[in-house]
Amino acid sequence: WASLCFGVLHLVGLSQWPYALWATVVGFGLGAAGLGTGNLLVPVIAHGVTNWIGSLVWKARHGRPAAPP
């Protein structure tokens, strides 16, 4: 249930349902990592690392915003 909630919380709009589905799957993996290790820090760090990598990929695809005048 927690991974489903995790996915729903990542649902920005109905057109973003594939992202929410992906977040549900990732949430299941993060939950399994926490349960498997018995350490909440493991999924917290994994979530931070995946967000960081995702932001790098997004910046590589979309470029950096224009510098202010």
Protein backbone atom coordinates (compact mmCIF):
# COMPACT_ATOMS: atom_id res chain seq x y z
CA TRP A 1 0.00 0.00 0.00
CA ALA A 2 2.82 2.37 0.78
CA SER A 3 4.28 2.03 -2.73
CA LEU A 4 0.85 2.73 -4.24
CA CYS A 5 0.60 5.87 -2.11
CA PHE A 6 4.11 6.81 -3.20
CA GLY A 7 3.01 6.53 -6.83
CA VAL A 8 -0.19 8.51 -6.30
CA LEU A 9 1.77 11.29 -4.61
CA HIS A 10 3.85 11.55 -7.79
CA LEU A 11 0.74 11.91 -9.95
CA VAL A 12 0.88 15.50 -11.18
CA GLY A 13 -2.01 15.17 -13.62
CA LEU A 14 -3.96 12.39 -15.31
CA SER A 15 -1.71 12.64 -18.36
CA GLN A 16 1.23 11.79 -16.10
CA TRP A 17 -0.11 8.34 -15.12
CA PRO A 18 2.92 6.49 -16.62
CA TYR A 19 5.19 8.45 -14.28
CA ALA A 20 2.95 7.60 -11.32
CA LEU A 21 3.03 3.94 -12.33
CA TRP A 22 6.82 4.07 -12.53
CA ALA A 23 6.97 5.77 -9.12
CA THR A 24 4.80 2.97 -7.71
CA VAL A 25 7.25 0.35 -8.98
CA VAL A 26 10.22 2.34 -7.66
CA GLY A 27 8.41 2.82 -4.35
CA PHE A 28 7.99 -0.94 -4.09
CA GLY A 29 11.73 -1.36 -4.67
CA LEU A 30 12.61 1.30 -2.13
CA GLY A 31 10.29 -0.29 0.41
CA ALA A 32 11.82 -3.70 -0.24
CA ALA A 33 15.29 -2.20 0.23
CA GLY A 34 14.22 -0.73 3.56
CA LEU A 35 12.64 -3.95 4.76
CA GLY A 36 15.48 -6.08 3.47
CA THR A 37 18.20 -4.07 5.16
CA GLY A 38 16.23 -3.02 8.21
CA ASN A 39 17.65 0.45 7.69
CA LEU A 40 15.47 3.38 6.58
CA LEU A 41 18.55 5.30 5.49
CA VAL A 42 19.08 2.91 2.54
CA PRO A 43 15.86 3.83 0.66
CA VAL A 44 16.19 7.49 1.65
CA ILE A 45 19.66 7.69 0.10
CA ALA A 46 18.54 5.64 -2.92
CA HIS A 47 15.63 8.03 -3.47
CA GLY A 48 17.96 11.01 -3.28
CA VAL A 49 20.41 9.44 -5.72
CA THR A 50 17.67 8.59 -8.23
CA ASN A 51 16.31 12.14 -8.01
CA TRP A 52 19.80 13.53 -8.57
CA ILE A 53 20.41 11.27 -11.59
CA GLY A 54 16.98 12.13 -12.96
CA SER A 55 17.72 15.84 -12.69
CA LEU A 56 21.02 15.36 -14.52
CA VAL A 57 19.25 13.47 -17.32
CA TRP A 58 16.57 16.16 -17.53
CA LYS A 59 19.18 18.92 -17.74
CA ALA A 60 21.10 17.01 -20.42
CA ARG A 61 17.94 16.66 -22.50
CA HIS A 62 16.49 20.12 -22.01
CA GLY A 63 19.60 22.22 -21.52
CA ARG A 64 20.11 24.84 -18.93
CA PRO A 65 17.80 27.85 -18.71
CA ALA A 66 18.93 31.02 -20.40
CA ALA A 67 20.99 33.38 -18.27
CA PRO A 68 19.08 36.43 -17.03
CA PRO A 69 19.74 39.64 -18.97
